[in-house]
């Protein structure tokens, strides 16, 4: 989307070219420096006034910097002292899972579901291997790419989550994809919470709707903790996958498989799987755009142009 009058034109070294998205934690811009595009996320000004948030945000930026390759998009730059703070990661030429569902016109086919499970579990395995938990795995935080997918949006949601938890015992997150232990504000979350969210993601991709319903109120949280998920037609169309997802959605974290187990179970079934044609074509368009890296001359001309 184009920049609006209230949007900055420059953050750090990055010339801003447009808006990639926005949410409850901040606004994400398409930024550029010579030879490279970036996703530049600036947190909401109201969060920048929260000392607890700033403390946690700095800690999460440190965690982002130490994450091994394959766990997340690469952190390029950040400024935790800016008002408001921001960070930049590499630009991923892909589309989010919820965009893919809309573009495809409905649920993803079985082969694509196995591919989703396999690659998301592989990313989570790297995260968990670094003793971290994503905490906010949801359709808009899963970016489908030509090579598989990338997990995005570490840091801001988790820092706000920890800040709010410190003050009130409440949790910021996405209720439709929370694990039961997260829904009841358990401070000791493990990677099993991400595995539960991944099971919910697969069911969303299989049916076009979250497995415990929409909304964000107490009723949804109650269903996450106590009710059984809606499997739709998955048990009939992909019974092996449905059984694996059922284990992911166990109410007790100890009963869920690990990310590594999911990778092992899904690798053979995901072999050779492709995203639906409309999804693959859109990803290819964005990859072609990203391949045309901006030059210093172009960025200088944009900086001199009228807004």
Protein backbone atom coordinates (compact mmCIF):
# COMPACT_ATOMS: atom_id res chain seq x y z
CA UNK A 1 0.00 0.00 0.00
CA UNK A 2 1.24 3.56 -0.57
CA UNK A 3 2.60 5.64 2.25
CA UNK A 4 0.07 7.91 3.96
CA UNK A 5 0.70 11.55 4.91
CA UNK A 6 1.46 10.63 8.54
CA UNK A 7 3.97 7.92 7.64
CA UNK A 8 7.71 8.63 7.85
CA UNK A 9 9.74 8.62 4.63
CA UNK A 10 12.93 7.38 6.25
CA UNK A 11 13.70 5.16 9.24
CA UNK A 12 17.35 4.72 10.05
CA UNK A 13 19.21 4.08 6.80
CA UNK A 14 16.09 2.73 5.10
CA UNK A 15 14.14 4.77 2.55
CA UNK A 16 10.48 3.81 2.93
CA UNK A 17 8.66 2.86 -0.28
CA UNK A 18 5.28 1.65 0.98
CA UNK A 19 3.30 -0.07 3.72
CA UNK A 20 3.42 -3.86 4.00
CA UNK A 21 0.93 -4.11 6.86
CA UNK A 22 -0.08 -2.92 10.30
CA UNK A 23 -1.49 -4.39 13.48
CA UNK A 24 -1.95 -3.99 17.18
CA UNK A 25 1.79 -3.76 17.88
CA UNK A 26 3.10 -1.63 15.05
CA UNK A 27 3.30 -0.76 11.37
CA UNK A 28 5.50 -2.51 8.81
CA UNK A 29 7.02 -0.67 5.86
CA UNK A 30 8.80 -1.76 2.71
CA UNK A 31 12.21 -0.15 3.14
CA UNK A 32 15.26 -0.07 0.92
CA UNK A 33 18.96 0.62 0.99
CA UNK A 34 21.16 0.28 -2.10
CA UNK A 35 21.08 -3.34 -3.18
CA UNK A 36 18.53 -4.57 -0.65
CA UNK A 37 14.85 -4.42 0.32
CA UNK A 38 13.80 -4.75 3.95
CA UNK A 39 10.70 -5.05 6.12
CA UNK A 40 10.95 -2.19 8.62
CA UNK A 41 8.69 -2.49 11.67
CA UNK A 42 8.10 0.53 13.89
CA UNK A 43 6.20 -0.14 17.11
CA UNK A 44 3.20 1.94 18.10
CA UNK A 45 4.05 5.18 19.91
CA UNK A 46 1.90 4.16 22.89
CA UNK A 47 4.13 1.12 23.45
CA UNK A 48 7.21 3.34 23.37
CA UNK A 49 5.93 5.04 26.53
CA UNK A 50 5.86 1.75 28.46
CA UNK A 51 9.15 1.20 30.30
CA UNK A 52 8.40 -2.49 30.84
CA UNK A 53 7.74 -2.97 27.14
CA UNK A 54 10.96 -1.21 26.17
CA UNK A 55 12.95 -3.43 28.51
CA UNK A 56 11.43 -6.61 27.09
CA UNK A 57 11.69 -5.28 23.53
CA UNK A 58 15.43 -4.79 23.92
CA UNK A 59 15.77 -8.31 25.27
CA UNK A 60 13.84 -9.73 22.31
CA UNK A 61 16.00 -7.83 19.83
CA UNK A 62 19.01 -9.51 21.44
CA UNK A 63 17.27 -12.86 20.98
CA UNK A 64 16.52 -12.09 17.33
CA UNK A 65 20.16 -11.32 16.73
CA UNK A 66 21.28 -14.65 18.16
CA UNK A 67 18.73 -16.85 16.41
CA UNK A 68 20.43 -19.33 14.09
CA UNK A 69 19.77 -19.33 10.35
CA UNK A 70 16.46 -20.92 9.43
CA UNK A 71 14.61 -19.77 12.53
CA UNK A 72 13.45 -16.40 11.31
CA UNK A 73 14.02 -13.67 8.78
CA UNK A 74 17.45 -12.12 9.28
CA UNK A 75 17.66 -9.05 11.51
CA UNK A 76 19.35 -6.26 9.54
CA UNK A 77 19.25 -3.27 11.87
CA UNK A 78 17.40 -1.86 14.86
CA UNK A 79 17.18 1.11 17.20
CA UNK A 80 15.68 0.34 20.58
CA UNK A 81 16.28 3.91 21.80
CA UNK A 82 14.35 5.60 18.98
CA UNK A 83 10.98 7.19 19.72
CA UNK A 84 9.29 4.92 18.79
CA UNK A 85 11.75 1.99 18.48
CA UNK A 86 12.04 -0.01 15.29
CA UNK A 87 13.81 -2.94 13.69
CA UNK A 88 14.39 -4.11 10.13
CA UNK A 89 14.52 -7.64 8.78
CA UNK A 90 15.20 -8.98 5.31
CA UNK A 91 12.27 -8.68 2.91
CA UNK A 92 10.72 -12.08 2.17
CA UNK A 93 9.16 -12.31 -1.31
CA UNK A 94 6.16 -14.42 -0.44
CA UNK A 95 2.58 -14.22 0.79
CA UNK A 96 1.06 -14.92 4.18
CA UNK A 97 -1.00 -18.02 4.81
CA UNK A 98 -4.24 -16.06 5.10
CA UNK A 99 -3.42 -14.29 1.81
CA UNK A 100 -2.84 -17.70 0.22
CA UNK A 101 -6.25 -18.96 1.35
CA UNK A 102 -7.94 -15.90 -0.16
CA UNK A 103 -5.94 -16.12 -3.38
CA UNK A 104 -6.63 -19.84 -3.79
CA UNK A 105 -10.32 -19.25 -3.11
CA UNK A 106 -10.58 -21.73 -0.26
CA UNK A 107 -8.75 -24.40 1.76
CA UNK A 108 -5.39 -25.71 0.59
CA UNK A 109 -5.12 -29.22 -0.93
CA UNK A 110 -3.67 -32.12 1.03
CA UNK A 111 -0.15 -32.01 -0.44
CA UNK A 112 0.16 -28.31 0.40
CA UNK A 113 -1.02 -29.00 3.96
CA UNK A 114 1.77 -31.53 4.43
CA UNK A 115 4.25 -29.01 3.03
CA UNK A 116 2.94 -26.36 5.42
CA UNK A 117 3.29 -28.70 8.39
CA UNK A 118 6.77 -29.88 7.45
CA UNK A 119 8.35 -26.49 6.82
CA UNK A 120 6.67 -24.71 9.73
CA UNK A 121 7.75 -27.50 12.09
CA UNK A 122 11.32 -27.22 10.78
CA UNK A 123 11.36 -23.49 11.54
CA UNK A 124 9.95 -24.07 15.01
CA UNK A 125 12.54 -26.76 15.63
CA UNK A 126 15.32 -24.22 15.13
CA UNK A 127 13.55 -21.74 17.41
CA UNK A 128 13.03 -24.32 20.14
CA UNK A 129 16.60 -25.50 19.77
CA UNK A 130 17.66 -21.97 20.76
CA UNK A 131 15.50 -22.24 23.91
CA UNK A 132 12.92 -19.79 22.57
CA UNK A 133 9.17 -19.90 21.96
CA UNK A 134 7.47 -17.97 19.16
CA UNK A 135 4.21 -17.42 21.15
CA UNK A 136 2.23 -15.83 18.30
CA UNK A 137 2.10 -18.33 15.46
CA UNK A 138 -0.90 -17.42 13.29
CA UNK A 139 -1.77 -17.20 9.57
CA UNK A 140 -0.43 -13.66 9.15
CA UNK A 141 2.91 -14.70 10.71
CA UNK A 142 3.55 -17.56 8.29
CA UNK A 143 5.00 -16.44 4.97
CA UNK A 144 4.75 -18.95 2.10
CA UNK A 145 7.74 -18.77 -0.24
CA UNK A 146 9.03 -20.54 -3.31
CA UNK A 147 11.34 -22.69 -1.16
CA UNK A 148 8.84 -23.42 1.63
CA UNK A 149 7.94 -20.82 4.23
CA UNK A 150 9.34 -18.40 6.77
CA UNK A 151 8.11 -17.61 10.28
CA UNK A 152 7.91 -13.88 10.88
CA UNK A 153 7.05 -11.30 13.55
CA UNK A 154 9.20 -12.41 16.45
CA UNK A 155 9.94 -9.90 19.14
CA UNK A 156 7.22 -7.24 19.31
CA UNK A 157 4.27 -9.42 20.28
CA UNK A 158 6.36 -11.36 22.76
CA UNK A 159 7.78 -8.20 24.36
CA UNK A 160 4.30 -6.73 24.74
CA UNK A 161 3.07 -10.07 26.06
CA UNK A 162 5.74 -10.15 28.75
CA UNK A 163 5.18 -6.51 29.66
CA UNK A 164 1.44 -6.97 30.09
CA UNK A 165 1.93 -10.27 31.93
CA UNK A 166 4.24 -8.59 34.41
CA UNK A 167 1.62 -5.96 35.18
CA UNK A 168 -1.74 -7.69 35.03
CA UNK A 169 -1.40 -11.44 34.54
CA UNK A 170 -3.07 -11.05 31.12
CA UNK A 171 -1.66 -12.26 27.82
CA UNK A 172 -1.47 -10.52 24.46
CA UNK A 173 -1.71 -12.94 21.58
CA UNK A 174 -4.14 -14.32 19.03
CA UNK A 175 -6.80 -16.30 20.94
CA UNK A 176 -7.86 -18.46 17.99
CA UNK A 177 -4.34 -19.96 17.86
CA UNK A 178 -3.37 -19.94 21.52
CA UNK A 179 -2.53 -23.12 23.37
CA UNK A 180 -4.66 -23.85 26.47
CA UNK A 181 -1.74 -23.07 28.79
CA UNK A 182 -1.30 -19.71 27.05
CA UNK A 183 -5.01 -18.94 27.26
CA UNK A 184 -4.84 -19.24 31.06
CA UNK A 185 -1.73 -17.02 31.23
CA UNK A 186 0.77 -19.71 32.16
CA UNK A 187 4.12 -18.01 32.60
CA UNK A 188 6.09 -21.20 31.83
CA UNK A 189 5.31 -21.68 28.16
CA UNK A 190 7.38 -24.20 26.22
CA UNK A 191 7.72 -25.10 22.57
CA UNK A 192 4.63 -27.29 23.01
CA UNK A 193 2.53 -24.10 22.87
CA UNK A 194 3.87 -23.42 19.36
CA UNK A 195 3.10 -27.01 18.34
CA UNK A 196 -0.53 -26.49 19.43
CA UNK A 197 -0.67 -23.29 17.37
CA UNK A 198 0.78 -25.15 14.38
CA UNK A 199 -1.97 -27.76 14.64
CA UNK A 200 -4.53 -24.95 14.63
CA UNK A 201 -2.82 -23.40 11.59
CA UNK A 202 -3.04 -26.65 9.62
CA UNK A 203 -6.75 -26.93 10.39
CA UNK A 204 -7.26 -23.31 9.36
CA UNK A 205 -5.51 -24.05 6.06
CA UNK A 206 -7.55 -27.25 5.61
CA UNK A 207 -10.97 -25.70 6.31
CA UNK A 208 -10.62 -21.96 5.83
CA UNK A 209 -11.58 -21.23 9.44
CA UNK A 210 -9.92 -21.49 12.88
CA UNK A 211 -10.59 -24.80 14.66
CA UNK A 212 -12.11 -23.20 17.77
CA UNK A 213 -14.05 -20.44 16.04
CA UNK A 214 -13.49 -16.74 15.54
CA UNK A 215 -13.55 -13.86 17.98
CA UNK A 216 -11.42 -12.88 20.92
CA UNK A 217 -13.67 -13.06 23.96
CA UNK A 218 -13.89 -15.42 26.92
CA UNK A 219 -16.06 -17.84 24.97
CA UNK A 220 -13.28 -18.53 22.47
CA UNK A 221 -10.68 -18.95 25.21
CA UNK A 222 -13.00 -21.37 27.01
CA UNK A 223 -13.31 -23.47 23.84
CA UNK A 224 -9.54 -23.52 23.38
CA UNK A 225 -9.10 -24.81 26.93
CA UNK A 226 -12.05 -27.22 27.13
CA UNK A 227 -13.65 -27.96 23.73
CA UNK A 228 -12.63 -30.24 20.88
CA UNK A 229 -11.41 -28.62 17.64
CA UNK A 230 -13.43 -28.61 14.42
CA UNK A 231 -11.62 -30.90 11.96
CA UNK A 232 -14.05 -30.32 9.09
CA UNK A 233 -13.39 -32.80 6.28
CA UNK A 234 -9.73 -33.38 7.08
CA UNK A 235 -10.34 -36.70 8.84
CA UNK A 236 -11.94 -38.04 5.64
CA UNK A 237 -9.59 -36.48 3.07
CA UNK A 238 -6.26 -36.83 4.94
CA UNK A 239 -6.74 -39.23 7.87
CA UNK A 240 -3.02 -39.59 8.62
CA UNK A 241 -2.58 -35.83 8.75
CA UNK A 242 -5.72 -35.44 10.85
CA UNK A 243 -4.39 -37.86 13.45
CA UNK A 244 -1.07 -36.02 13.61
CA UNK A 245 -2.86 -32.69 14.03
CA UNK A 246 -5.04 -34.22 16.75
CA UNK A 247 -1.88 -35.00 18.72
CA UNK A 248 -0.66 -31.42 18.22
CA UNK A 249 -3.93 -30.18 19.74
CA UNK A 250 -3.75 -32.27 22.89
CA UNK A 251 -4.80 -30.19 25.89
CA UNK A 252 -1.84 -31.41 27.95
CA UNK A 253 1.47 -30.08 26.54
CA UNK A 254 3.23 -33.32 27.47
CA UNK A 255 1.00 -35.25 25.05
CA UNK A 256 2.00 -33.22 21.98
CA UNK A 257 4.75 -34.23 19.55
CA UNK A 258 7.88 -32.11 19.30
CA UNK A 259 8.65 -30.01 16.25
CA UNK A 260 11.40 -32.50 15.33
CA UNK A 261 8.91 -35.40 15.43
CA UNK A 262 6.57 -33.48 13.13
CA UNK A 263 9.36 -32.89 10.63
CA UNK A 264 10.19 -36.60 10.64
CA UNK A 265 6.55 -37.61 10.13
CA UNK A 266 5.83 -35.03 7.42
CA UNK A 267 9.00 -35.05 5.31
CA UNK A 268 8.09 -37.97 3.05
CA UNK A 269 4.50 -36.78 2.49
CA UNK A 270 5.67 -33.22 1.76
CA UNK A 271 8.28 -34.35 -0.78
CA UNK A 272 7.56 -32.74 -4.15
CA UNK A 273 4.47 -30.90 -2.88
CA UNK A 274 3.80 -27.47 -4.37
CA UNK A 275 1.66 -24.53 -3.40
CA UNK A 276 -1.53 -24.15 -5.49
CA UNK A 277 -0.89 -22.54 -8.88
CA UNK A 278 -2.40 -19.12 -8.06
CA UNK A 279 -0.33 -18.96 -4.88
CA UNK A 280 2.85 -20.04 -6.65
CA UNK A 281 2.33 -17.45 -9.38
CA UNK A 282 1.92 -14.61 -6.88
CA UNK A 283 5.02 -15.72 -4.99
CA UNK A 284 6.96 -15.77 -8.28
CA UNK A 285 5.81 -12.20 -9.04
CA UNK A 286 7.08 -10.97 -5.68
CA UNK A 287 10.35 -12.86 -6.09
CA UNK A 288 10.87 -11.15 -9.45
CA UNK A 289 10.23 -7.77 -7.83
CA UNK A 290 12.68 -8.48 -4.99
CA UNK A 291 15.33 -9.57 -7.50
CA UNK A 292 15.43 -6.01 -8.92
CA UNK A 293 17.40 -4.54 -6.04
CA UNK A 294 17.10 -0.73 -5.66
CA UNK A 295 20.10 1.34 -6.70
CA UNK A 296 21.61 4.27 -4.84
CA UNK A 297 20.65 6.55 -7.74
CA UNK A 298 16.99 5.49 -7.60
CA UNK A 299 16.77 5.97 -3.85
CA UNK A 300 18.40 9.38 -4.11
CA UNK A 301 15.88 10.41 -6.74
CA UNK A 302 13.01 9.23 -4.52
CA UNK A 303 14.39 11.19 -1.58
CA UNK A 304 14.37 14.37 -3.68
CA UNK A 305 10.92 13.83 -5.14
CA UNK A 306 7.75 15.38 -3.79
CA UNK A 307 5.97 13.11 -1.24
